[in-house]
């Protein structure tokens, strides 16, 4: 199990970074200042490669809790507290740093989360509630191919499997990017059909990346990824606020994407990481960090 935790940590960190990439690049693709030309293509490719992050988070949760160990009451309590805490943080941000009506956000709380990225906490609550009812045992690969728990216990470390997973990842990412561009040409506007988290290519990318990490990065957590994984929950909770602030207060330069994308990504990651470290020092019982 200790070895498996290593690849889980590495994969969780990469999925966390991919979330930041998605929300950094989305402004180029669908935002009010969406650009065209090479900037759009770069953002589309990065976004296509990162769409896998949400399926990966679900598969990691499935691997951890759809087996011998199911989610306990303390896990559910923690995720509910996280939802409440980061909703409060987002509401404070909306109140003090945006022209958005906080009252409107509260009134629609039962329809949608306070800030767009917090929907994931609602979904994870459902996963935790289901976990005591589901147990996936070790099975041949031909029987189960999509669940994180099933893939996690499969014997995938065979000759050629890692290469196949890597090539599948590249091919599907290219397919998502080209499909999205083609839909733009056909419709004259952005269409997210190829971006959907439940889309076939995104699922293949998720499976490919999970197998690749399980086979190749199964020995030890990489230093930078280990830090990101350790603070991934808080990074996720804070990152969208940094991106929104940078974009809406014009601390970016979308006319030069080769500078803007690394800048927004870097500031967001560093700022979220620093806040996460500070929160962990205050939150001694790790209830929301």
C-alpha atoms as a PDB file:
ATOM      1  CA  UNK A   1       0.000   0.000   0.000  1.00  0.00           C
ATOM      2  CA  UNK A   2       2.858   2.399   0.699  1.00  0.00           C
ATOM      3  CA  UNK A   3       4.066   2.134  -2.884  1.00  0.00           C
ATOM      4  CA  UNK A   4       0.579   2.735  -4.197  1.00  0.00           C
ATOM      5  CA  UNK A   5       0.264   5.818  -2.033  1.00  0.00           C
ATOM      6  CA  UNK A   6       3.358   7.221  -3.768  1.00  0.00           C
ATOM      7  CA  UNK A   7       1.749   7.163  -7.177  1.00  0.00           C
ATOM      8  CA  UNK A   8      -1.519   8.415  -5.714  1.00  0.00           C
ATOM      9  CA  UNK A   9       0.313  11.410  -4.216  1.00  0.00           C
ATOM     10  CA  UNK A  10       2.055  12.176  -7.509  1.00  0.00           C
ATOM     11  CA  UNK A  11      -1.172  11.817  -9.471  1.00  0.00           C
ATOM     12  CA  UNK A  12      -3.162  13.961  -7.026  1.00  0.00           C
ATOM     13  CA  UNK A  13      -0.578  16.731  -7.334  1.00  0.00           C
ATOM     14  CA  UNK A  14      -0.655  16.676 -11.134  1.00  0.00           C
ATOM     15  CA  UNK A  15      -4.465  16.718 -11.106  1.00  0.00           C
ATOM     16  CA  UNK A  16      -4.357  19.733  -8.780  1.00  0.00           C
ATOM     17  CA  UNK A  17      -1.978  21.565 -11.133  1.00  0.00           C
ATOM     18  CA  UNK A  18      -4.218  20.684 -14.069  1.00  0.00           C
ATOM     19  CA  UNK A  19      -7.180  22.345 -12.352  1.00  0.00           C
ATOM     20  CA  UNK A  20      -5.195  25.589 -12.216  1.00  0.00           C
ATOM     21  CA  UNK A  21      -4.238  25.184 -15.886  1.00  0.00           C
ATOM     22  CA  UNK A  22      -7.899  24.748 -16.879  1.00  0.00           C
ATOM     23  CA  UNK A  23      -9.081  27.833 -15.041  1.00  0.00           C
ATOM     24  CA  UNK A  24      -6.082  29.859 -16.236  1.00  0.00           C
ATOM     25  CA  UNK A  25      -6.613  29.011 -19.905  1.00  0.00           C
ATOM     26  CA  UNK A  26     -10.424  29.085 -19.956  1.00  0.00           C
ATOM     27  CA  UNK A  27     -10.369  32.882 -20.122  1.00  0.00           C
ATOM     28  CA  UNK A  28      -8.666  32.578 -23.514  1.00  0.00           C
ATOM     29  CA  UNK A  29     -11.281  30.159 -24.798  1.00  0.00           C
ATOM     30  CA  UNK A  30     -14.631  31.275 -23.376  1.00  0.00           C
ATOM     31  CA  UNK A  31     -13.999  34.330 -21.185  1.00  0.00           C
ATOM     32  CA  UNK A  32     -15.178  37.879 -21.892  1.00  0.00           C
ATOM     33  CA  UNK A  33     -11.751  38.687 -23.363  1.00  0.00           C
ATOM     34  CA  UNK A  34     -11.417  35.435 -25.326  1.00  0.00           C
ATOM     35  CA  UNK A  35      -8.692  35.633 -27.954  1.00  0.00           C
ATOM     36  CA  UNK A  36      -8.238  34.004 -31.338  1.00  0.00           C
ATOM     37  CA  UNK A  37      -5.281  32.756 -33.318  1.00  0.00           C
ATOM     38  CA  UNK A  38      -2.215  31.076 -31.798  1.00  0.00           C
ATOM     39  CA  UNK A  39      -3.160  32.173 -28.275  1.00  0.00           C
ATOM     40  CA  UNK A  40      -6.457  30.319 -28.543  1.00  0.00           C
ATOM     41  CA  UNK A  41      -4.737  27.222 -29.926  1.00  0.00           C
ATOM     42  CA  UNK A  42      -2.189  27.137 -27.101  1.00  0.00           C
ATOM     43  CA  UNK A  43      -4.912  27.577 -24.491  1.00  0.00           C
ATOM     44  CA  UNK A  44      -7.036  24.919 -26.192  1.00  0.00           C
ATOM     45  CA  UNK A  45      -4.180  22.401 -26.201  1.00  0.00           C
ATOM     46  CA  UNK A  46      -3.323  23.027 -22.539  1.00  0.00           C
ATOM     47  CA  UNK A  47      -6.979  22.858 -21.570  1.00  0.00           C
ATOM     48  CA  UNK A  48      -7.449  19.646 -23.538  1.00  0.00           C
ATOM     49  CA  UNK A  49      -4.502  18.030 -21.771  1.00  0.00           C
ATOM     50  CA  UNK A  50      -5.877  19.091 -18.390  1.00  0.00           C
ATOM     51  CA  UNK A  51      -9.539  18.065 -18.771  1.00  0.00           C
ATOM     52  CA  UNK A  52      -8.571  14.786 -17.153  1.00  0.00           C
ATOM     53  CA  UNK A  53      -8.126  16.376 -13.713  1.00  0.00           C
ATOM     54  CA  UNK A  54     -11.693  15.906 -12.454  1.00  0.00           C
ATOM     55  CA  UNK A  55     -11.980  12.241 -13.542  1.00  0.00           C
ATOM     56  CA  UNK A  56      -8.596  11.676 -11.895  1.00  0.00           C
ATOM     57  CA  UNK A  57      -9.809  13.127  -8.592  1.00  0.00           C
ATOM     58  CA  UNK A  58     -12.864  10.872  -8.728  1.00  0.00           C
ATOM     59  CA  UNK A  59     -10.757   7.819  -9.606  1.00  0.00           C
ATOM     60  CA  UNK A  60      -8.332   8.563  -6.771  1.00  0.00           C
ATOM     61  CA  UNK A  61     -11.273   8.781  -4.363  1.00  0.00           C
ATOM     62  CA  UNK A  62     -12.625   5.543  -5.798  1.00  0.00           C
ATOM     63  CA  UNK A  63      -9.292   3.805  -5.356  1.00  0.00           C
ATOM     64  CA  UNK A  64      -8.982   4.953  -1.752  1.00  0.00           C
ATOM     65  CA  UNK A  65     -12.567   4.362  -0.614  1.00  0.00           C
ATOM     66  CA  UNK A  66     -14.125   1.707  -2.878  1.00  0.00           C
ATOM     67  CA  UNK A  67     -12.113  -1.131  -1.395  1.00  0.00           C
ATOM     68  CA  UNK A  68     -11.359  -2.559   2.017  1.00  0.00           C
ATOM     69  CA  UNK A  69     -11.412   0.957   3.441  1.00  0.00           C
ATOM     70  CA  UNK A  70     -14.607   2.954   2.950  1.00  0.00           C
ATOM     71  CA  UNK A  71     -15.170   6.595   3.821  1.00  0.00           C
ATOM     72  CA  UNK A  72     -15.915   7.083   7.518  1.00  0.00           C
ATOM     73  CA  UNK A  73     -18.009   9.667   9.276  1.00  0.00           C
ATOM     74  CA  UNK A  74     -14.940  11.799   9.925  1.00  0.00           C
ATOM     75  CA  UNK A  75     -14.211  11.948   6.181  1.00  0.00           C
ATOM     76  CA  UNK A  76     -17.739  13.132   5.440  1.00  0.00           C
ATOM     77  CA  UNK A  77     -17.583  15.678   8.261  1.00  0.00           C
ATOM     78  CA  UNK A  78     -14.308  17.024   6.933  1.00  0.00           C
ATOM     79  CA  UNK A  79     -15.580  17.480   3.389  1.00  0.00           C
ATOM     80  CA  UNK A  80     -18.723  19.248   4.656  1.00  0.00           C
ATOM     81  CA  UNK A  81     -16.577  21.562   6.787  1.00  0.00           C
ATOM     82  CA  UNK A  82     -14.370  22.233   3.752  1.00  0.00           C
ATOM     83  CA  UNK A  83     -17.418  23.127   1.679  1.00  0.00           C
ATOM     84  CA  UNK A  84     -18.642  25.534   4.353  1.00  0.00           C
ATOM     85  CA  UNK A  85     -15.215  27.070   4.962  1.00  0.00           C
ATOM     86  CA  UNK A  86     -14.241  27.669   1.329  1.00  0.00           C
ATOM     87  CA  UNK A  87     -17.751  28.907   0.558  1.00  0.00           C
ATOM     88  CA  UNK A  88     -17.308  31.458   3.353  1.00  0.00           C
ATOM     89  CA  UNK A  89     -13.895  32.447   1.967  1.00  0.00           C
ATOM     90  CA  UNK A  90     -15.374  32.844  -1.521  1.00  0.00           C
ATOM     91  CA  UNK A  91     -18.277  34.861  -0.129  1.00  0.00           C
ATOM     92  CA  UNK A  92     -15.841  37.177   1.664  1.00  0.00           C
ATOM     93  CA  UNK A  93     -13.904  37.605  -1.588  1.00  0.00           C
ATOM     94  CA  UNK A  94     -17.110  38.387  -3.494  1.00  0.00           C
ATOM     95  CA  UNK A  95     -18.175  40.913  -0.858  1.00  0.00           C
ATOM     96  CA  UNK A  96     -14.910  42.824  -0.541  1.00  0.00           C
ATOM     97  CA  UNK A  97     -13.144  42.457  -3.876  1.00  0.00           C
ATOM     98  CA  UNK A  98     -15.816  42.144  -6.565  1.00  0.00           C
ATOM     99  CA  UNK A  99     -18.965  44.019  -7.658  1.00  0.00           C
ATOM    100  CA  UNK A 100     -20.908  40.742  -7.515  1.00  0.00           C
ATOM    101  CA  UNK A 101     -23.885  40.777  -5.140  1.00  0.00           C
ATOM    102  CA  UNK A 102     -23.186  38.561  -2.148  1.00  0.00           C
ATOM    103  CA  UNK A 103     -26.906  38.478  -1.406  1.00  0.00           C
ATOM    104  CA  UNK A 104     -27.590  36.973  -4.823  1.00  0.00           C
ATOM    105  CA  UNK A 105     -24.913  34.350  -4.202  1.00  0.00           C
ATOM    106  CA  UNK A 106     -26.542  33.387  -0.913  1.00  0.00           C
ATOM    107  CA  UNK A 107     -30.031  33.234  -2.406  1.00  0.00           C
ATOM    108  CA  UNK A 108     -28.839  30.818  -5.105  1.00  0.00           C
ATOM    109  CA  UNK A 109     -26.770  28.716  -2.715  1.00  0.00           C
ATOM    110  CA  UNK A 110     -29.078  25.710  -3.112  1.00  0.00           C
ATOM    111  CA  UNK A 111     -28.921  25.975  -6.916  1.00  0.00           C
ATOM    112  CA  UNK A 112     -25.195  26.417  -7.361  1.00  0.00           C
ATOM    113  CA  UNK A 113     -22.091  26.884  -5.185  1.00  0.00           C
ATOM    114  CA  UNK A 114     -20.908  30.306  -4.053  1.00  0.00           C
ATOM    115  CA  UNK A 115     -17.960  30.132  -6.478  1.00  0.00           C
ATOM    116  CA  UNK A 116     -17.821  27.954  -9.572  1.00  0.00           C
ATOM    117  CA  UNK A 117     -15.031  25.572  -8.501  1.00  0.00           C
ATOM    118  CA  UNK A 118     -16.752  24.561  -5.252  1.00  0.00           C
ATOM    119  CA  UNK A 119     -19.155  22.224  -7.084  1.00  0.00           C
ATOM    120  CA  UNK A 120     -16.552  19.501  -6.655  1.00  0.00           C
ATOM    121  CA  UNK A 121     -17.139  19.331  -2.896  1.00  0.00           C
ATOM    122  CA  UNK A 122     -20.811  18.509  -3.491  1.00  0.00           C
ATOM    123  CA  UNK A 123     -19.813  15.700  -5.865  1.00  0.00           C
ATOM    124  CA  UNK A 124     -17.272  14.253  -3.424  1.00  0.00           C
ATOM    125  CA  UNK A 125     -19.918  14.143  -0.694  1.00  0.00           C
ATOM    126  CA  UNK A 126     -21.879  11.798  -2.956  1.00  0.00           C
ATOM    127  CA  UNK A 127     -18.807   9.605  -3.487  1.00  0.00           C
ATOM    128  CA  UNK A 128     -18.242   9.376   0.270  1.00  0.00           C
ATOM    129  CA  UNK A 129     -21.868   8.450   0.915  1.00  0.00           C
ATOM    130  CA  UNK A 130     -21.701   5.650  -1.668  1.00  0.00           C
ATOM    131  CA  UNK A 131     -18.348   4.221  -0.623  1.00  0.00           C
ATOM    132  CA  UNK A 132     -19.623   1.924   2.198  1.00  0.00           C
ATOM    133  CA  UNK A 133     -21.949   0.257  -0.329  1.00  0.00           C
ATOM    134  CA  UNK A 134     -19.318  -0.484  -2.980  1.00  0.00           C
ATOM    135  CA  UNK A 135     -16.291  -2.745  -2.897  1.00  0.00           C
ATOM    136  CA  UNK A 136     -14.216  -3.560  -5.978  1.00  0.00           C
ATOM    137  CA  UNK A 137     -12.038  -6.637  -5.698  1.00  0.00           C
ATOM    138  CA  UNK A 138      -8.996  -7.653  -7.726  1.00  0.00           C
ATOM    139  CA  UNK A 139     -10.294  -8.596 -11.180  1.00  0.00           C
ATOM    140  CA  UNK A 140      -8.855  -9.244 -14.649  1.00  0.00           C
ATOM    141  CA  UNK A 141      -8.559  -6.071 -16.754  1.00  0.00           C
ATOM    142  CA  UNK A 142     -11.086  -7.362 -19.292  1.00  0.00           C
ATOM    143  CA  UNK A 143     -13.900  -7.078 -16.729  1.00  0.00           C
ATOM    144  CA  UNK A 144     -13.444  -3.560 -15.405  1.00  0.00           C
ATOM    145  CA  UNK A 145     -11.684  -0.657 -17.107  1.00  0.00           C
ATOM    146  CA  UNK A 146     -13.062   2.596 -15.751  1.00  0.00           C
ATOM    147  CA  UNK A 147     -13.095   2.586 -11.966  1.00  0.00           C
ATOM    148  CA  UNK A 148     -10.059   3.908 -10.173  1.00  0.00           C
ATOM    149  CA  UNK A 149     -10.195   1.183  -7.563  1.00  0.00           C
ATOM    150  CA  UNK A 150     -10.297  -1.574 -10.155  1.00  0.00           C
ATOM    151  CA  UNK A 151      -7.398  -0.153 -12.151  1.00  0.00           C
ATOM    152  CA  UNK A 152      -5.464   0.466  -8.949  1.00  0.00           C
ATOM    153  CA  UNK A 153      -5.501  -3.210  -8.002  1.00  0.00           C
ATOM    154  CA  UNK A 154      -4.910  -4.522 -11.524  1.00  0.00           C
ATOM    155  CA  UNK A 155      -1.525  -5.867 -12.559  1.00  0.00           C
ATOM    156  CA  UNK A 156      -0.726  -3.189 -15.146  1.00  0.00           C
ATOM    157  CA  UNK A 157       3.057  -3.287 -14.832  1.00  0.00           C
ATOM    158  CA  UNK A 158       3.623  -5.361 -17.938  1.00  0.00           C
ATOM    159  CA  UNK A 159       5.835  -4.852 -20.935  1.00  0.00           C
ATOM    160  CA  UNK A 160       4.473  -2.229 -23.297  1.00  0.00           C
ATOM    161  CA  UNK A 161       1.573  -1.122 -21.074  1.00  0.00           C
ATOM    162  CA  UNK A 162       3.247   2.131 -20.023  1.00  0.00           C
ATOM    163  CA  UNK A 163       4.134   3.002 -23.620  1.00  0.00           C
ATOM    164  CA  UNK A 164       0.583   2.246 -24.708  1.00  0.00           C
ATOM    165  CA  UNK A 165      -0.792   4.432 -21.912  1.00  0.00           C
ATOM    166  CA  UNK A 166       1.540   7.295 -22.834  1.00  0.00           C
ATOM    167  CA  UNK A 167       0.685   7.124 -26.533  1.00  0.00           C
ATOM    168  CA  UNK A 168      -3.030   6.907 -25.734  1.00  0.00           C
ATOM    169  CA  UNK A 169      -2.724  10.012 -23.569  1.00  0.00           C
ATOM    170  CA  UNK A 170      -1.031  11.997 -26.351  1.00  0.00           C
ATOM    171  CA  UNK A 171      -3.396  10.783 -29.080  1.00  0.00           C
ATOM    172  CA  UNK A 172      -6.535  11.543 -27.077  1.00  0.00           C
ATOM    173  CA  UNK A 173      -5.333  14.999 -26.018  1.00  0.00           C
ATOM    174  CA  UNK A 174      -4.674  15.844 -29.666  1.00  0.00           C
ATOM    175  CA  UNK A 175      -8.107  14.455 -30.526  1.00  0.00           C
ATOM    176  CA  UNK A 176      -9.805  16.632 -27.896  1.00  0.00           C
ATOM    177  CA  UNK A 177      -7.956  19.751 -29.073  1.00  0.00           C
ATOM    178  CA  UNK A 178      -8.654  19.145 -32.776  1.00  0.00           C
ATOM    179  CA  UNK A 179     -12.276  18.219 -32.093  1.00  0.00           C
ATOM    180  CA  UNK A 180     -12.815  21.419 -30.112  1.00  0.00           C
ATOM    181  CA  UNK A 181     -11.229  23.522 -32.858  1.00  0.00           C
ATOM    182  CA  UNK A 182     -13.383  21.835 -35.494  1.00  0.00           C
ATOM    183  CA  UNK A 183     -16.526  22.531 -33.472  1.00  0.00           C
ATOM    184  CA  UNK A 184     -15.470  26.183 -33.278  1.00  0.00           C
ATOM    185  CA  UNK A 185     -15.204  26.321 -37.073  1.00  0.00           C
ATOM    186  CA  UNK A 186     -18.566  24.607 -37.570  1.00  0.00           C
ATOM    187  CA  UNK A 187     -20.562  26.598 -34.999  1.00  0.00           C
ATOM    188  CA  UNK A 188     -18.708  29.890 -35.145  1.00  0.00           C
ATOM    189  CA  UNK A 189     -18.550  29.810 -31.342  1.00  0.00           C
ATOM    190  CA  UNK A 190     -16.947  27.715 -28.631  1.00  0.00           C
ATOM    191  CA  UNK A 191     -18.556  24.346 -27.953  1.00  0.00           C
ATOM    192  CA  UNK A 192     -17.484  22.204 -24.986  1.00  0.00           C
ATOM    193  CA  UNK A 193     -18.586  18.818 -26.376  1.00  0.00           C
ATOM    194  CA  UNK A 194     -15.044  17.456 -26.505  1.00  0.00           C
ATOM    195  CA  UNK A 195     -14.193  18.983 -23.121  1.00  0.00           C
ATOM    196  CA  UNK A 196     -16.886  17.153 -21.153  1.00  0.00           C
ATOM    197  CA  UNK A 197     -15.470  15.253 -18.178  1.00  0.00           C
ATOM    198  CA  UNK A 198     -17.667  12.271 -19.053  1.00  0.00           C
ATOM    199  CA  UNK A 199     -16.595  12.285 -22.704  1.00  0.00           C
ATOM    200  CA  UNK A 200     -14.963   9.111 -24.089  1.00  0.00           C
ATOM    201  CA  UNK A 201     -11.599  10.680 -24.938  1.00  0.00           C
ATOM    202  CA  UNK A 202     -11.339  12.367 -21.537  1.00  0.00           C
ATOM    203  CA  UNK A 203     -12.022   9.029 -19.834  1.00  0.00           C
ATOM    204  CA  UNK A 204      -9.385   7.293 -21.950  1.00  0.00           C
ATOM    205  CA  UNK A 205      -6.914  10.031 -21.011  1.00  0.00           C
ATOM    206  CA  UNK A 206      -7.791   9.527 -17.330  1.00  0.00           C
ATOM    207  CA  UNK A 207      -7.248   5.775 -17.510  1.00  0.00           C
ATOM    208  CA  UNK A 208      -4.013   6.217 -19.474  1.00  0.00           C
ATOM    209  CA  UNK A 209      -2.575   8.729 -17.029  1.00  0.00           C
ATOM    210  CA  UNK A 210      -3.583   6.661 -13.999  1.00  0.00           C
ATOM    211  CA  UNK A 211      -1.909   3.550 -15.439  1.00  0.00           C
ATOM    212  CA  UNK A 212       1.176   5.546 -16.442  1.00  0.00           C
ATOM    213  CA  UNK A 213       1.636   7.015 -12.966  1.00  0.00           C
ATOM    214  CA  UNK A 214       0.954   3.663 -11.313  1.00  0.00           C
ATOM    215  CA  UNK A 215       3.658   1.998 -13.416  1.00  0.00           C
ATOM    216  CA  UNK A 216       6.294   4.733 -13.720  1.00  0.00           C
ATOM    217  CA  UNK A 217       5.914   6.983 -10.647  1.00  0.00           C
ATOM    218  CA  UNK A 218       5.267   4.259  -8.111  1.00  0.00           C
ATOM    219  CA  UNK A 219       8.527   4.399  -6.148  1.00  0.00           C
ATOM    220  CA  UNK A 220       8.521   7.702  -4.278  1.00  0.00           C
ATOM    221  CA  UNK A 221       6.666  11.023  -4.292  1.00  0.00           C
ATOM    222  CA  UNK A 222       8.585  13.570  -6.360  1.00  0.00           C
ATOM    223  CA  UNK A 223       9.647  16.536  -4.172  1.00  0.00           C
ATOM    224  CA  UNK A 224       7.610  19.294  -5.838  1.00  0.00           C
ATOM    225  CA  UNK A 225       4.649  17.021  -6.419  1.00  0.00           C
ATOM    226  CA  UNK A 226       4.766  15.811  -2.816  1.00  0.00           C
ATOM    227  CA  UNK A 227       4.398  19.398  -1.570  1.00  0.00           C
ATOM    228  CA  UNK A 228       1.564  20.113  -3.987  1.00  0.00           C
ATOM    229  CA  UNK A 229      -0.213  16.902  -3.008  1.00  0.00           C
ATOM    230  CA  UNK A 230       0.124  17.663   0.700  1.00  0.00           C
ATOM    231  CA  UNK A 231      -1.646  21.009   0.263  1.00  0.00           C
ATOM    232  CA  UNK A 232      -3.848  20.074  -2.710  1.00  0.00           C
ATOM    233  CA  UNK A 233      -7.148  20.489  -0.861  1.00  0.00           C
ATOM    234  CA  UNK A 234      -6.439  24.069   0.188  1.00  0.00           C
ATOM    235  CA  UNK A 235      -4.818  24.925  -3.142  1.00  0.00           C
ATOM    236  CA  UNK A 236      -8.022  23.816  -4.825  1.00  0.00           C
ATOM    237  CA  UNK A 237     -10.102  25.870  -2.413  1.00  0.00           C
ATOM    238  CA  UNK A 238      -8.133  29.099  -2.954  1.00  0.00           C
ATOM    239  CA  UNK A 239      -6.895  28.975  -6.556  1.00  0.00           C
ATOM    240  CA  UNK A 240     -10.011  30.198  -8.378  1.00  0.00           C
ATOM    241  CA  UNK A 241     -10.075  33.392  -6.317  1.00  0.00           C
ATOM    242  CA  UNK A 242      -6.518  34.273  -7.340  1.00  0.00           C
ATOM    243  CA  UNK A 243      -7.251  33.673 -11.025  1.00  0.00           C
ATOM    244  CA  UNK A 244     -10.459  35.690 -10.894  1.00  0.00           C
ATOM    245  CA  UNK A 245      -8.723  38.588  -9.143  1.00  0.00           C
ATOM    246  CA  UNK A 246      -5.794  38.665 -11.580  1.00  0.00           C
ATOM    247  CA  UNK A 247      -8.076  38.518 -14.606  1.00  0.00           C
ATOM    248  CA  UNK A 248     -10.738  40.991 -13.449  1.00  0.00           C
ATOM    249  CA  UNK A 249      -8.283  43.525 -12.016  1.00  0.00           C
ATOM    250  CA  UNK A 250      -6.111  43.454 -15.151  1.00  0.00           C
ATOM    251  CA  UNK A 251      -2.953  42.083 -13.582  1.00  0.00           C
ATOM    252  CA  UNK A 252      -2.555  39.978 -16.701  1.00  0.00           C
ATOM    253  CA  UNK A 253      -1.714  40.466 -20.374  1.00  0.00           C
ATOM    254  CA  UNK A 254      -3.750  38.207 -22.614  1.00  0.00           C
ATOM    255  CA  UNK A 255      -2.226  39.804 -25.701  1.00  0.00           C
ATOM    256  CA  UNK A 256       0.984  37.919 -24.873  1.00  0.00           C
ATOM    257  CA  UNK A 257      -0.084  34.419 -23.835  1.00  0.00           C
ATOM    258  CA  UNK A 258       3.505  33.107 -23.678  1.00  0.00           C
ATOM    259  CA  UNK A 259       4.034  35.473 -20.741  1.00  0.00           C
ATOM    260  CA  UNK A 260       0.514  35.681 -19.377  1.00  0.00           C
ATOM    261  CA  UNK A 261      -0.183  31.963 -18.923  1.00  0.00           C
ATOM    262  CA  UNK A 262       2.971  31.183 -16.890  1.00  0.00           C
ATOM    263  CA  UNK A 263       2.482  34.399 -14.905  1.00  0.00           C
ATOM    264  CA  UNK A 264      -1.137  33.747 -13.902  1.00  0.00           C
ATOM    265  CA  UNK A 265      -0.451  30.055 -13.287  1.00  0.00           C
ATOM    266  CA  UNK A 266       2.650  30.794 -11.193  1.00  0.00           C
ATOM    267  CA  UNK A 267       1.092  33.548  -9.084  1.00  0.00           C
ATOM    268  CA  UNK A 268      -2.009  31.445  -8.507  1.00  0.00           C
ATOM    269  CA  UNK A 269      -0.054  28.359  -7.490  1.00  0.00           C
ATOM    270  CA  UNK A 270       2.354  30.262  -5.243  1.00  0.00           C
ATOM    271  CA  UNK A 271      -0.358  32.368  -3.626  1.00  0.00           C
ATOM    272  CA  UNK A 272      -2.618  29.377  -3.045  1.00  0.00           C
ATOM    273  CA  UNK A 273       0.277  27.336  -1.668  1.00  0.00           C
ATOM    274  CA  UNK A 274       1.286  30.075   0.775  1.00  0.00           C
ATOM    275  CA  UNK A 275      -2.290  30.445   2.005  1.00  0.00           C
ATOM    276  CA  UNK A 276      -2.555  26.665   2.289  1.00  0.00           C
ATOM    277  CA  UNK A 277       0.604  26.510   4.408  1.00  0.00           C
ATOM    278  CA  UNK A 278      -0.672  29.303   6.638  1.00  0.00           C
ATOM    279  CA  UNK A 279      -4.043  27.616   7.008  1.00  0.00           C
ATOM    280  CA  UNK A 280      -2.444  24.303   7.946  1.00  0.00           C
ATOM    281  CA  UNK A 281      -0.495  26.020  10.741  1.00  0.00           C
ATOM    282  CA  UNK A 282      -3.724  27.492  12.116  1.00  0.00           C
ATOM    283  CA  UNK A 283      -5.885  24.434  11.489  1.00  0.00           C
ATOM    284  CA  UNK A 284      -4.192  22.092  13.959  1.00  0.00           C
ATOM    285  CA  UNK A 285      -6.778  19.337  13.516  1.00  0.00           C
ATOM    286  CA  UNK A 286      -6.665  19.472   9.677  1.00  0.00           C
ATOM    287  CA  UNK A 287     -10.401  19.985   9.412  1.00  0.00           C
ATOM    288  CA  UNK A 288     -10.243  22.207   6.313  1.00  0.00           C
ATOM    289  CA  UNK A 289      -6.615  21.890   5.224  1.00  0.00           C
END
